[in-house]
Amino acid sequence: MGNLRCLVRESISLIAGCCIFFIAASASLLAQETKPPDIWTAAAKGDLDRLNKLLAEDNDAANARDGDGNSPLHHAAWNSQLAAMQLLLDHDADIDSQSDQLWTPLHWAARNGRAQSVGWLLDHGAKVDVPAHLGQTALHLAAKHNYRVTLALLLEAGADPNAGDIHSQTPVHLAALDGYTVTVTQLLDHGGDIEARTSWGATPLSATAARGRTSTV
């Protein structure tokens, strides 16, 4: 009987301990879920109230870097949060801020096909041909992903269709490789070189032919 009572007491203690653990864990998760967003999240979501509060507390927060070196403006540009972008710029955000991979907000906007962000950044003085860590410009990204409206905005702003990355690939090469005929034509109409060669000697035509993109050839 004594052993049974001990077993019952131990079971009750174990259950109580588990309950306390789960209550504590739930409280921790709830705290995480209700924690006010950081400045990068606020920028990405266009949460102007939160942004205003954070910037009022620390004006330098407009250029704060996340774990990858991205600024709040990078995050806002990715999602075309134009009001947030303006607010950040009003607080001295660097429009050409570069991440650890040397991507600017313009790179981010171009990579995501955010034509509104691209147009806004260009209108506010963003440099159009900044090379990232692999030498790619925003135009490379727009060409590679076939974002034709974004591409047109960049070309109108003077982006170089013959800029080479670290392998001397131009935006024309990247568009041709994936068979984006209209994009290739856009680039050629703005001075793109159909005979440009990569570091291994490929032209846009030879590269696209090697991939069987007969419609582009």
N, C-alpha and C. Protein backbone atom coordinates (compact mmCIF):
# COMPACT_ATOMS: atom_id res chain seq x y z
N MET A 1 0.84 -1.21 0.00
CA MET A 1 0.00 0.00 0.00
C MET A 1 0.87 1.26 0.00
N GLY A 2 1.96 1.18 0.82
CA GLY A 2 2.88 2.32 0.90
C GLY A 2 3.52 2.59 -0.45
N ASN A 3 3.90 1.50 -1.13
CA ASN A 3 4.50 1.66 -2.45
C ASN A 3 3.53 2.29 -3.44
N LEU A 4 2.26 1.90 -3.34
CA LEU A 4 1.24 2.45 -4.22
C LEU A 4 1.07 3.95 -4.00
N ARG A 5 1.07 4.34 -2.71
CA ARG A 5 0.93 5.77 -2.40
C ARG A 5 2.12 6.56 -2.96
N CYS A 6 3.31 5.99 -2.81
CA CYS A 6 4.51 6.67 -3.33
C CYS A 6 4.42 6.82 -4.85
N LEU A 7 3.93 5.77 -5.49
CA LEU A 7 3.80 5.80 -6.95
C LEU A 7 2.79 6.86 -7.38
N VAL A 8 1.68 6.94 -6.63
CA VAL A 8 0.66 7.95 -6.94
C VAL A 8 1.23 9.35 -6.78
N ARG A 9 1.97 9.56 -5.65
CA ARG A 9 2.56 10.89 -5.40
C ARG A 9 3.55 11.26 -6.51
N GLU A 10 4.35 10.29 -6.93
CA GLU A 10 5.33 10.56 -7.98
C GLU A 10 4.63 10.88 -9.30
N SER A 11 3.54 10.16 -9.57
CA SER A 11 2.78 10.41 -10.80
C SER A 11 2.18 11.81 -10.80
N ILE A 12 1.62 12.18 -9.62
CA ILE A 12 1.03 13.53 -9.50
C ILE A 12 2.10 14.59 -9.69
N SER A 13 3.28 14.37 -9.11
CA SER A 13 4.38 15.33 -9.23
C SER A 13 4.82 15.45 -10.69
N LEU A 14 4.89 14.29 -11.38
CA LEU A 14 5.30 14.29 -12.78
C LEU A 14 4.29 15.04 -13.65
N ILE A 15 3.00 14.77 -13.40
CA ILE A 15 1.94 15.46 -14.16
C ILE A 15 1.98 16.95 -13.90
N ALA A 16 2.16 17.32 -12.63
CA ALA A 16 2.23 18.74 -12.28
C ALA A 16 3.42 19.41 -12.96
N GLY A 17 4.55 18.69 -12.97
CA GLY A 17 5.74 19.23 -13.62
C GLY A 17 5.52 19.45 -15.10
N CYS A 18 4.87 18.47 -15.74
CA CYS A 18 4.57 18.59 -17.17
C CYS A 18 3.65 19.77 -17.44
N CYS A 19 2.65 19.93 -16.58
CA CYS A 19 1.70 21.04 -16.74
C CYS A 19 2.42 22.38 -16.64
N ILE A 20 3.30 22.48 -15.65
CA ILE A 20 4.05 23.73 -15.47
C ILE A 20 4.91 24.02 -16.70
N PHE A 21 5.55 22.93 -17.24
CA PHE A 21 6.40 23.09 -18.42
C PHE A 21 5.58 23.60 -19.61
N PHE A 22 4.44 22.95 -19.85
CA PHE A 22 3.62 23.33 -21.00
C PHE A 22 3.02 24.72 -20.85
N ILE A 23 2.66 25.09 -19.62
CA ILE A 23 2.14 26.44 -19.37
C ILE A 23 3.23 27.47 -19.67
N ALA A 24 4.45 27.18 -19.20
CA ALA A 24 5.57 28.09 -19.43
C ALA A 24 5.89 28.19 -20.92
N ALA A 25 5.88 27.03 -21.60
CA ALA A 25 6.17 27.02 -23.03
C ALA A 25 5.11 27.80 -23.80
N SER A 26 3.85 27.61 -23.42
CA SER A 26 2.76 28.33 -24.09
C SER A 26 2.88 29.83 -23.87
N ALA A 27 3.25 30.20 -22.65
CA ALA A 27 3.41 31.62 -22.35
C ALA A 27 4.54 32.22 -23.17
N SER A 28 5.62 31.43 -23.34
CA SER A 28 6.76 31.91 -24.13
C SER A 28 6.36 32.10 -25.59
N LEU A 29 5.62 31.12 -26.14
CA LEU A 29 5.17 31.23 -27.53
C LEU A 29 4.23 32.41 -27.71
N LEU A 30 3.33 32.60 -26.74
CA LEU A 30 2.40 33.72 -26.82
C LEU A 30 3.14 35.04 -26.80
N ALA A 31 4.18 35.10 -25.96
CA ALA A 31 4.98 36.33 -25.88
C ALA A 31 5.66 36.61 -27.21
N GLN A 32 6.16 35.51 -27.86
CA GLN A 32 6.81 35.69 -29.15
C GLN A 32 5.82 36.18 -30.20
N GLU A 33 4.60 35.62 -30.16
CA GLU A 33 3.60 35.98 -31.16
C GLU A 33 3.11 37.42 -30.98
N THR A 34 3.08 37.89 -29.74
CA THR A 34 2.56 39.23 -29.48
C THR A 34 3.66 40.28 -29.38
N LYS A 35 4.92 39.85 -29.53
CA LYS A 35 6.03 40.79 -29.47
C LYS A 35 5.92 41.78 -30.63
N PRO A 36 6.06 43.08 -30.37
CA PRO A 36 5.98 44.07 -31.44
C PRO A 36 7.01 43.77 -32.53
N PRO A 37 6.67 43.95 -33.79
CA PRO A 37 7.60 43.64 -34.88
C PRO A 37 8.83 44.53 -34.86
N ASP A 38 9.97 43.97 -35.30
CA ASP A 38 11.18 44.77 -35.41
C ASP A 38 11.05 45.68 -36.63
N ILE A 39 12.05 46.52 -36.83
CA ILE A 39 11.91 47.55 -37.87
C ILE A 39 11.89 46.95 -39.28
N TRP A 40 12.58 45.81 -39.48
CA TRP A 40 12.60 45.19 -40.80
C TRP A 40 11.23 44.58 -41.13
N THR A 41 10.62 43.96 -40.13
CA THR A 41 9.28 43.39 -40.32
C THR A 41 8.26 44.50 -40.54
N ALA A 42 8.38 45.56 -39.76
CA ALA A 42 7.46 46.69 -39.91
C ALA A 42 7.58 47.31 -41.30
N ALA A 43 8.81 47.41 -41.79
CA ALA A 43 9.02 47.96 -43.14
C ALA A 43 8.43 47.05 -44.20
N ALA A 44 8.65 45.75 -44.05
CA ALA A 44 8.15 44.78 -45.02
C ALA A 44 6.63 44.77 -45.08
N LYS A 45 6.01 44.99 -43.93
CA LYS A 45 4.54 44.96 -43.86
C LYS A 45 3.92 46.33 -44.12
N GLY A 46 4.75 47.37 -44.18
CA GLY A 46 4.20 48.71 -44.34
C GLY A 46 3.48 49.19 -43.10
N ASP A 47 3.95 48.74 -41.94
CA ASP A 47 3.33 49.12 -40.66
C ASP A 47 3.86 50.50 -40.25
N LEU A 48 3.19 51.53 -40.72
CA LEU A 48 3.67 52.90 -40.52
C LEU A 48 3.65 53.33 -39.06
N ASP A 49 2.66 52.90 -38.32
CA ASP A 49 2.59 53.26 -36.90
C ASP A 49 3.82 52.72 -36.16
N ARG A 50 4.13 51.47 -36.41
CA ARG A 50 5.29 50.85 -35.76
C ARG A 50 6.59 51.49 -36.24
N LEU A 51 6.68 51.76 -37.53
CA LEU A 51 7.87 52.40 -38.07
C LEU A 51 8.08 53.78 -37.46
N ASN A 52 7.03 54.56 -37.39
CA ASN A 52 7.13 55.90 -36.80
C ASN A 52 7.62 55.83 -35.37
N LYS A 53 7.11 54.87 -34.62
CA LYS A 53 7.51 54.71 -33.22
C LYS A 53 9.00 54.35 -33.12
N LEU A 54 9.44 53.39 -33.92
CA LEU A 54 10.83 52.95 -33.87
C LEU A 54 11.78 54.05 -34.34
N LEU A 55 11.38 54.79 -35.36
CA LEU A 55 12.23 55.86 -35.86
C LEU A 55 12.27 57.04 -34.90
N ALA A 56 11.18 57.27 -34.18
CA ALA A 56 11.16 58.33 -33.17
C ALA A 56 12.10 57.99 -32.02
N GLU A 57 12.20 56.71 -31.72
CA GLU A 57 13.08 56.27 -30.63
C GLU A 57 14.55 56.32 -31.05
N ASP A 58 14.81 56.06 -32.34
CA ASP A 58 16.19 56.01 -32.82
C ASP A 58 16.20 56.30 -34.31
N ASN A 59 16.59 57.50 -34.69
CA ASN A 59 16.59 57.88 -36.10
C ASN A 59 17.54 57.02 -36.92
N ASP A 60 18.61 56.51 -36.27
CA ASP A 60 19.56 55.66 -36.99
C ASP A 60 18.95 54.32 -37.38
N ALA A 61 17.80 54.00 -36.82
CA ALA A 61 17.15 52.73 -37.13
C ALA A 61 16.79 52.63 -38.61
N ALA A 62 16.71 53.76 -39.29
CA ALA A 62 16.38 53.74 -40.72
C ALA A 62 17.44 53.01 -41.53
N ASN A 63 18.65 52.92 -40.99
CA ASN A 63 19.74 52.22 -41.67
C ASN A 63 20.23 51.00 -40.89
N ALA A 64 19.40 50.51 -39.98
CA ALA A 64 19.78 49.32 -39.20
C ALA A 64 19.90 48.11 -40.13
N ARG A 65 20.85 47.22 -39.82
CA ARG A 65 21.08 46.04 -40.65
C ARG A 65 20.54 44.79 -39.97
N ASP A 66 19.90 43.94 -40.77
CA ASP A 66 19.48 42.65 -40.22
C ASP A 66 20.65 41.67 -40.28
N GLY A 67 20.40 40.40 -40.04
CA GLY A 67 21.49 39.42 -39.99
C GLY A 67 22.23 39.24 -41.29
N ASP A 68 21.63 39.66 -42.40
CA ASP A 68 22.28 39.55 -43.71
C ASP A 68 22.72 40.90 -44.25
N GLY A 69 22.66 41.90 -43.39
CA GLY A 69 23.11 43.22 -43.80
C GLY A 69 22.09 44.03 -44.57
N ASN A 70 20.84 43.56 -44.60
CA ASN A 70 19.80 44.29 -45.31
C ASN A 70 19.19 45.37 -44.43
N SER A 71 18.88 46.50 -45.03
CA SER A 71 18.28 47.61 -44.30
C SER A 71 16.75 47.51 -44.35
N PRO A 72 16.06 48.31 -43.54
CA PRO A 72 14.60 48.34 -43.64
C PRO A 72 14.11 48.70 -45.05
N LEU A 73 14.88 49.52 -45.75
CA LEU A 73 14.48 49.91 -47.10
C LEU A 73 14.51 48.72 -48.05
N HIS A 74 15.47 47.81 -47.87
CA HIS A 74 15.48 46.57 -48.66
C HIS A 74 14.14 45.83 -48.50
N HIS A 75 13.73 45.68 -47.25
CA HIS A 75 12.51 44.92 -46.96
C HIS A 75 11.26 45.62 -47.50
N ALA A 76 11.22 46.93 -47.37
CA ALA A 76 10.07 47.67 -47.89
C ALA A 76 10.02 47.60 -49.42
N ALA A 77 11.19 47.70 -50.05
CA ALA A 77 11.25 47.66 -51.52
C ALA A 77 10.82 46.30 -52.06
N TRP A 78 11.15 45.24 -51.35
CA TRP A 78 10.78 43.89 -51.78
C TRP A 78 9.27 43.74 -51.91
N ASN A 79 8.54 44.43 -51.04
CA ASN A 79 7.08 44.31 -51.02
C ASN A 79 6.35 45.53 -51.58
N SER A 80 7.07 46.44 -52.20
CA SER A 80 6.46 47.66 -52.76
C SER A 80 5.68 48.44 -51.71
N GLN A 81 6.25 48.56 -50.53
CA GLN A 81 5.63 49.37 -49.47
C GLN A 81 6.10 50.81 -49.64
N LEU A 82 5.49 51.51 -50.59
CA LEU A 82 5.99 52.82 -50.99
C LEU A 82 5.90 53.85 -49.87
N ALA A 83 4.84 53.82 -49.08
CA ALA A 83 4.72 54.78 -47.98
C ALA A 83 5.81 54.54 -46.95
N ALA A 84 6.10 53.28 -46.68
CA ALA A 84 7.18 52.95 -45.74
C ALA A 84 8.52 53.38 -46.31
N MET A 85 8.70 53.21 -47.61
CA MET A 85 9.94 53.62 -48.26
C MET A 85 10.14 55.13 -48.12
N GLN A 86 9.07 55.89 -48.33
CA GLN A 86 9.16 57.34 -48.20
C GLN A 86 9.48 57.75 -46.77
N LEU A 87 8.83 57.09 -45.82
CA LEU A 87 9.07 57.39 -44.41
C LEU A 87 10.53 57.12 -44.04
N LEU A 88 11.06 56.02 -44.52
CA LEU A 88 12.46 55.69 -44.24
C LEU A 88 13.41 56.70 -44.88
N LEU A 89 13.10 57.09 -46.11
CA LEU A 89 13.94 58.07 -46.78
C LEU A 89 13.89 59.41 -46.05
N ASP A 90 12.72 59.77 -45.53
CA ASP A 90 12.58 61.00 -44.75
C ASP A 90 13.42 60.97 -43.48
N HIS A 91 13.79 59.77 -43.05
CA HIS A 91 14.64 59.62 -41.86
C HIS A 91 16.06 59.22 -42.25
N ASP A 92 16.46 59.68 -43.45
CA ASP A 92 17.85 59.55 -43.92
C ASP A 92 18.29 58.12 -44.23
N ALA A 93 17.36 57.28 -44.65
CA ALA A 93 17.75 55.94 -45.10
C ALA A 93 18.64 56.07 -46.34
N ASP A 94 19.66 55.23 -46.43
CA ASP A 94 20.56 55.22 -47.58
C ASP A 94 19.89 54.45 -48.72
N ILE A 95 19.56 55.15 -49.78
CA ILE A 95 18.81 54.53 -50.87
C ILE A 95 19.64 53.49 -51.61
N ASP A 96 20.97 53.58 -51.51
CA ASP A 96 21.86 52.63 -52.17
C ASP A 96 22.57 51.72 -51.17
N SER A 97 21.99 51.56 -50.00
CA SER A 97 22.57 50.69 -48.98
C SER A 97 22.79 49.30 -49.55
N GLN A 98 23.97 48.72 -49.26
CA GLN A 98 24.29 47.38 -49.77
C GLN A 98 24.34 46.36 -48.65
N SER A 99 23.77 45.21 -48.92
CA SER A 99 23.76 44.11 -47.96
C SER A 99 25.13 43.42 -47.94
N ASP A 100 25.22 42.35 -47.17
CA ASP A 100 26.47 41.58 -47.13
C ASP A 100 26.83 41.04 -48.51
N GLN A 101 25.80 40.78 -49.33
CA GLN A 101 26.02 40.29 -50.70
C GLN A 101 26.05 41.45 -51.71
N LEU A 102 26.11 42.67 -51.18
CA LEU A 102 26.22 43.89 -51.98
C LEU A 102 24.96 44.20 -52.80
N TRP A 103 23.84 43.63 -52.38
CA TRP A 103 22.57 43.95 -53.03
C TRP A 103 22.02 45.25 -52.47
N THR A 104 21.54 46.11 -53.35
CA THR A 104 20.88 47.35 -52.94
C THR A 104 19.37 47.12 -52.88
N PRO A 105 18.61 48.07 -52.34
CA PRO A 105 17.15 47.95 -52.42
C PRO A 105 16.66 47.80 -53.86
N LEU A 106 17.36 48.42 -54.81
CA LEU A 106 16.97 48.29 -56.22
C LEU A 106 17.14 46.85 -56.69
N HIS A 107 18.22 46.19 -56.27
CA HIS A 107 18.38 44.76 -56.59
C HIS A 107 17.19 43.96 -56.06
N TRP A 108 16.84 44.22 -54.80
CA TRP A 108 15.74 43.47 -54.19
C TRP A 108 14.44 43.68 -54.96
N ALA A 109 14.16 44.92 -55.29
CA ALA A 109 12.91 45.22 -56.00
C ALA A 109 12.90 44.58 -57.39
N ALA A 110 14.05 44.65 -58.08
CA ALA A 110 14.14 44.07 -59.42
C ALA A 110 14.01 42.55 -59.36
N ARG A 111 14.64 41.93 -58.37
CA ARG A 111 14.58 40.47 -58.25
C ARG A 111 13.16 39.98 -58.02
N ASN A 112 12.36 40.79 -57.34
CA ASN A 112 10.98 40.38 -57.04
C ASN A 112 9.98 40.92 -58.06
N GLY A 113 10.49 41.58 -59.10
CA GLY A 113 9.59 42.11 -60.12
C GLY A 113 8.68 43.21 -59.63
N ARG A 114 9.14 43.97 -58.64
CA ARG A 114 8.32 45.03 -58.07
C ARG A 114 8.53 46.33 -58.85
N ALA A 115 7.83 46.46 -59.95
CA ALA A 115 8.01 47.61 -60.82
C ALA A 115 7.74 48.93 -60.10
N GLN A 116 6.74 48.95 -59.22
CA GLN A 116 6.45 50.18 -58.48
C GLN A 116 7.64 50.60 -57.61
N SER A 117 8.23 49.64 -56.94
CA SER A 117 9.40 49.93 -56.11
C SER A 117 10.56 50.40 -56.97
N VAL A 118 10.77 49.71 -58.08
CA VAL A 118 11.87 50.07 -58.98
C VAL A 118 11.70 51.50 -59.48
N GLY A 119 10.50 51.84 -59.95
CA GLY A 119 10.24 53.19 -60.42
C GLY A 119 10.44 54.23 -59.34
N TRP A 120 9.96 53.92 -58.14
CA TRP A 120 10.08 54.85 -57.01
C TRP A 120 11.55 55.07 -56.66
N LEU A 121 12.31 54.00 -56.58
CA LEU A 121 13.73 54.11 -56.22
C LEU A 121 14.49 54.92 -57.27
N LEU A 122 14.21 54.66 -58.53
CA LEU A 122 14.89 55.40 -59.60
C LEU A 122 14.50 56.88 -59.56
N ASP A 123 13.23 57.16 -59.32
CA ASP A 123 12.77 58.55 -59.23
C ASP A 123 13.41 59.29 -58.06
N HIS A 124 13.82 58.54 -57.04
CA HIS A 124 14.43 59.16 -55.86
C HIS A 124 15.95 59.05 -55.86
N GLY A 125 16.51 58.76 -57.03
CA GLY A 125 17.96 58.86 -57.18
C GLY A 125 18.78 57.61 -56.96
N ALA A 126 18.16 56.45 -56.94
CA ALA A 126 18.94 55.22 -56.76
C ALA A 126 19.88 55.02 -57.95
N LYS A 127 21.09 54.56 -57.67
CA LYS A 127 22.04 54.26 -58.73
C LYS A 127 21.58 53.00 -59.46
N VAL A 128 21.62 53.06 -60.78
CA VAL A 128 20.97 52.00 -61.56
C VAL A 128 21.88 50.80 -61.85
N ASP A 129 23.19 50.99 -61.88
CA ASP A 129 24.08 49.92 -62.31
C ASP A 129 25.05 49.45 -61.23
N VAL A 130 24.64 49.46 -59.99
CA VAL A 130 25.51 48.99 -58.91
C VAL A 130 25.69 47.47 -59.05
N PRO A 131 26.95 46.97 -59.08
CA PRO A 131 27.16 45.53 -59.16
C PRO A 131 27.10 44.87 -57.79
N ALA A 132 26.45 43.73 -57.71
CA ALA A 132 26.41 42.97 -56.45
C ALA A 132 27.61 42.03 -56.39
N HIS A 133 27.61 41.08 -55.45
CA HIS A 133 28.81 40.27 -55.19
C HIS A 133 29.22 39.40 -56.37
N LEU A 134 28.30 39.03 -57.22
CA LEU A 134 28.63 38.25 -58.42
C LEU A 134 28.67 39.14 -59.66
N GLY A 135 28.67 40.44 -59.43
CA GLY A 135 28.75 41.39 -60.52
C GLY A 135 27.43 41.73 -61.17
N GLN A 136 26.35 41.12 -60.69
CA GLN A 136 25.06 41.33 -61.34
C GLN A 136 24.44 42.67 -60.93
N THR A 137 23.89 43.35 -61.91
CA THR A 137 23.16 44.59 -61.66
C THR A 137 21.67 44.26 -61.55
N ALA A 138 20.90 45.27 -61.23
CA ALA A 138 19.44 45.07 -61.18
C ALA A 138 18.91 44.63 -62.54
N LEU A 139 19.53 45.11 -63.62
CA LEU A 139 19.09 44.73 -64.96
C LEU A 139 19.33 43.24 -65.22
N HIS A 140 20.43 42.70 -64.73
CA HIS A 140 20.67 41.26 -64.85
C HIS A 140 19.50 40.48 -64.23
N LEU A 141 19.07 40.91 -63.06
CA LEU A 141 18.01 40.19 -62.34
C LEU A 141 16.68 40.29 -63.08
N ALA A 142 16.37 41.47 -63.57
CA ALA A 142 15.12 41.64 -64.32
C ALA A 142 15.12 40.80 -65.59
N ALA A 143 16.27 40.76 -66.27
CA ALA A 143 16.38 39.98 -67.50
C ALA A 143 16.28 38.48 -67.22
N LYS A 144 16.96 38.03 -66.20
CA LYS A 144 16.98 36.61 -65.86
C LYS A 144 15.59 36.09 -65.50
N HIS A 145 14.80 36.94 -64.85
CA HIS A 145 13.48 36.50 -64.38
C HIS A 145 12.33 37.02 -65.26
N ASN A 146 12.70 37.62 -66.39
CA ASN A 146 11.71 38.02 -67.40
C ASN A 146 10.68 39.01 -66.89
N TYR A 147 11.15 39.97 -66.08
CA TYR A 147 10.26 41.03 -65.60
C TYR A 147 10.36 42.20 -66.58
N ARG A 148 9.50 42.21 -67.57
CA ARG A 148 9.67 43.14 -68.68
C ARG A 148 9.35 44.59 -68.32
N VAL A 149 8.37 44.82 -67.45
CA VAL A 149 8.06 46.19 -67.04
C VAL A 149 9.22 46.75 -66.21
N THR A 150 9.71 45.94 -65.30
CA THR A 150 10.87 46.34 -64.51
C THR A 150 12.06 46.61 -65.41
N LEU A 151 12.27 45.73 -66.39
CA LEU A 151 13.37 45.89 -67.34
C LEU A 151 13.26 47.21 -68.08
N ALA A 152 12.05 47.54 -68.54
CA ALA A 152 11.84 48.78 -69.28
C ALA A 152 12.17 50.00 -68.43
N LEU A 153 11.77 49.97 -67.18
CA LEU A 153 12.06 51.10 -66.28
C LEU A 153 13.56 51.28 -66.09
N LEU A 154 14.26 50.17 -65.92
CA LEU A 154 15.71 50.23 -65.72
C LEU A 154 16.41 50.74 -66.97
N LEU A 155 15.99 50.25 -68.13
CA LEU A 155 16.60 50.69 -69.38
C LEU A 155 16.34 52.18 -69.63
N GLU A 156 15.13 52.63 -69.33
CA GLU A 156 14.80 54.05 -69.50
C GLU A 156 15.63 54.92 -68.57
N ALA A 157 16.05 54.35 -67.44
CA ALA A 157 16.87 55.09 -66.48
C ALA A 157 18.36 55.02 -66.83
N GLY A 158 18.68 54.34 -67.93
CA GLY A 158 20.06 54.29 -68.38
C GLY A 158 20.85 53.06 -67.99
N ALA A 159 20.17 52.01 -67.54
CA ALA A 159 20.88 50.78 -67.18
C ALA A 159 21.63 50.24 -68.40
N ASP A 160 22.80 49.69 -68.16
CA ASP A 160 23.68 49.22 -69.23
C ASP A 160 23.32 47.78 -69.62
N PRO A 161 22.80 47.56 -70.83
CA PRO A 161 22.43 46.21 -71.25
C PRO A 161 23.64 45.33 -71.53
N ASN A 162 24.84 45.94 -71.55
CA ASN A 162 26.06 45.18 -71.82
C ASN A 162 26.95 45.03 -70.59
N ALA A 163 26.40 45.37 -69.42
CA ALA A 163 27.17 45.19 -68.19
C ALA A 163 27.44 43.70 -67.98
N GLY A 164 28.68 43.37 -67.65
CA GLY A 164 29.03 41.96 -67.45
C GLY A 164 29.13 41.62 -65.97
N ASP A 165 28.69 40.40 -65.62
CA ASP A 165 28.88 39.94 -64.24
C ASP A 165 30.30 39.37 -64.12
N ILE A 166 30.58 38.62 -63.07
CA ILE A 166 31.95 38.12 -62.87
C ILE A 166 32.35 37.11 -63.94
N HIS A 167 31.38 36.60 -64.69
CA HIS A 167 31.67 35.67 -65.79
C HIS A 167 31.48 36.35 -67.15
N SER A 168 31.36 37.67 -67.12
CA SER A 168 31.13 38.47 -68.33
C SER A 168 29.80 38.16 -69.00
N GLN A 169 28.87 37.60 -68.26
CA GLN A 169 27.51 37.41 -68.79
C GLN A 169 26.77 38.75 -68.71
N THR A 170 26.14 39.11 -69.79
CA THR A 170 25.35 40.33 -69.83
C THR A 170 23.87 39.99 -69.61
N PRO A 171 23.05 40.99 -69.39
CA PRO A 171 21.61 40.73 -69.32
C PRO A 171 21.07 40.03 -70.57
N VAL A 172 21.68 40.32 -71.72
CA VAL A 172 21.25 39.67 -72.97
C VAL A 172 21.49 38.17 -72.88
N HIS A 173 22.66 37.77 -72.38
CA HIS A 173 22.95 36.34 -72.19
C HIS A 173 21.87 35.68 -71.32
N LEU A 174 21.57 36.31 -70.20
CA LEU A 174 20.66 35.69 -69.23
C LEU A 174 19.25 35.55 -69.79
N ALA A 175 18.79 36.56 -70.52
CA ALA A 175 17.46 36.48 -71.11
C ALA A 175 17.43 35.43 -72.22
N ALA A 176 18.49 35.38 -73.02
CA ALA A 176 18.55 34.42 -74.12
C ALA A 176 18.61 32.99 -73.62
N LEU A 177 19.34 32.76 -72.55
CA LEU A 177 19.50 31.41 -72.01
C LEU A 177 18.16 30.75 -71.70
N ASP A 178 17.21 31.54 -71.23
CA ASP A 178 15.91 30.98 -70.87
C ASP A 178 14.84 31.21 -71.94
N GLY A 179 15.28 31.67 -73.09
CA GLY A 179 14.35 31.79 -74.21
C GLY A 179 13.37 32.94 -74.12
N TYR A 180 13.75 34.00 -73.41
CA TYR A 180 12.85 35.15 -73.26
C TYR A 180 13.03 36.09 -74.46
N THR A 181 12.39 35.75 -75.55
CA THR A 181 12.60 36.45 -76.82
C THR A 181 12.24 37.94 -76.73
N VAL A 182 11.11 38.26 -76.13
CA VAL A 182 10.69 39.66 -76.03
C VAL A 182 11.68 40.45 -75.19
N THR A 183 12.15 39.85 -74.12
CA THR A 183 13.12 40.53 -73.25
C THR A 183 14.43 40.75 -73.99
N VAL A 184 14.87 39.75 -74.75
CA VAL A 184 16.09 39.91 -75.55
C VAL A 184 15.92 41.08 -76.52
N THR A 185 14.77 41.15 -77.17
CA THR A 185 14.51 42.24 -78.11
C THR A 185 14.54 43.60 -77.41
N GLN A 186 13.95 43.67 -76.22
CA GLN A 186 14.00 44.92 -75.44
C GLN A 186 15.44 45.36 -75.22
N LEU A 187 16.27 44.42 -74.83
CA LEU A 187 17.67 44.73 -74.54
C LEU A 187 18.42 45.14 -75.80
N LEU A 188 18.18 44.44 -76.90
CA LEU A 188 18.85 44.79 -78.16
C LEU A 188 18.41 46.16 -78.64
N ASP A 189 17.15 46.49 -78.45
CA ASP A 189 16.64 47.81 -78.86
C ASP A 189 17.28 48.94 -78.07
N HIS A 190 17.85 48.61 -76.92
CA HIS A 190 18.53 49.63 -76.10
C HIS A 190 20.05 49.47 -76.14
N GLY A 191 20.53 48.85 -77.21
CA GLY A 191 21.98 48.78 -77.42
C GLY A 191 22.65 47.51 -76.95
N GLY A 192 21.88 46.51 -76.56
CA GLY A 192 22.48 45.25 -76.15
C GLY A 192 23.26 44.61 -77.28
N ASP A 193 24.38 43.97 -76.95
CA ASP A 193 25.27 43.38 -77.95
C ASP A 193 24.99 41.89 -78.10
N ILE A 194 24.48 41.49 -79.25
CA ILE A 194 24.17 40.09 -79.49
C ILE A 194 25.43 39.25 -79.67
N GLU A 195 26.58 39.91 -79.86
CA GLU A 195 27.85 39.21 -80.04
C GLU A 195 28.72 39.21 -78.78
N ALA A 196 28.21 39.75 -77.70
CA ALA A 196 29.00 39.79 -76.45
C ALA A 196 29.38 38.37 -76.04
N ARG A 197 30.58 38.21 -75.49
CA ARG A 197 31.07 36.88 -75.11
C ARG A 197 31.30 36.78 -73.61
N THR A 198 30.95 35.63 -73.08
CA THR A 198 31.23 35.35 -71.67
C THR A 198 32.70 34.99 -71.50
N SER A 199 33.11 34.75 -70.27
CA SER A 199 34.50 34.39 -70.01
C SER A 199 34.87 33.05 -70.64
N TRP A 200 33.87 32.23 -70.98
CA TRP A 200 34.16 30.96 -71.65
C TRP A 200 33.84 31.02 -73.15
N GLY A 201 33.58 32.23 -73.64
CA GLY A 201 33.45 32.44 -75.07
C GLY A 201 32.07 32.31 -75.67
N ALA A 202 31.04 32.19 -74.85
CA ALA A 202 29.68 32.02 -75.37
C ALA A 202 29.05 33.37 -75.70
N THR A 203 28.38 33.43 -76.83
CA THR A 203 27.56 34.59 -77.17
C THR A 203 26.12 34.28 -76.75
N PRO A 204 25.25 35.27 -76.71
CA PRO A 204 23.85 34.98 -76.40
C PRO A 204 23.24 33.95 -77.35
N LEU A 205 23.59 34.03 -78.63
CA LEU A 205 23.03 33.10 -79.61
C LEU A 205 23.54 31.68 -79.40
N SER A 206 24.85 31.55 -79.18
CA SER A 206 25.40 30.20 -78.99
C SER A 206 24.90 29.58 -77.69
N ALA A 207 24.73 30.41 -76.67
CA ALA A 207 24.25 29.91 -75.38
C ALA A 207 22.82 29.42 -75.48
N THR A 208 21.98 30.19 -76.17
CA THR A 208 20.58 29.80 -76.27
C THR A 208 20.41 28.60 -77.20
N ALA A 209 21.25 28.51 -78.25
CA ALA A 209 21.19 27.36 -79.15
C ALA A 209 21.60 26.09 -78.43
N ALA A 210 22.60 26.19 -77.55
CA ALA A 210 23.06 25.03 -76.79
C ALA A 210 21.97 24.49 -75.88
N ARG A 211 21.05 25.34 -75.50
CA ARG A 211 19.93 24.92 -74.65
C ARG A 211 18.70 24.53 -75.46
N GLY A 212 18.82 24.62 -76.76
CA GLY A 212 17.70 24.23 -77.61
C GLY A 212 16.58 25.24 -77.68
N ARG A 213 16.89 26.51 -77.39
CA ARG A 213 15.86 27.55 -77.44
C ARG A 213 15.75 28.07 -78.87
N THR A 214 15.21 27.26 -79.74
CA THR A 214 15.19 27.60 -81.16
C THR A 214 14.38 28.84 -81.48
N SER A 215 13.34 29.12 -80.71
CA SER A 215 12.50 30.29 -81.00
C SER A 215 13.28 31.58 -80.76
N THR A 216 14.18 31.56 -79.77
CA THR A 216 14.99 32.75 -79.49
C THR A 216 16.05 32.95 -80.56
N VAL A 217 16.66 31.84 -81.02
CA VAL A 217 17.67 31.92 -82.07
C VAL A 217 17.02 32.43 -83.36
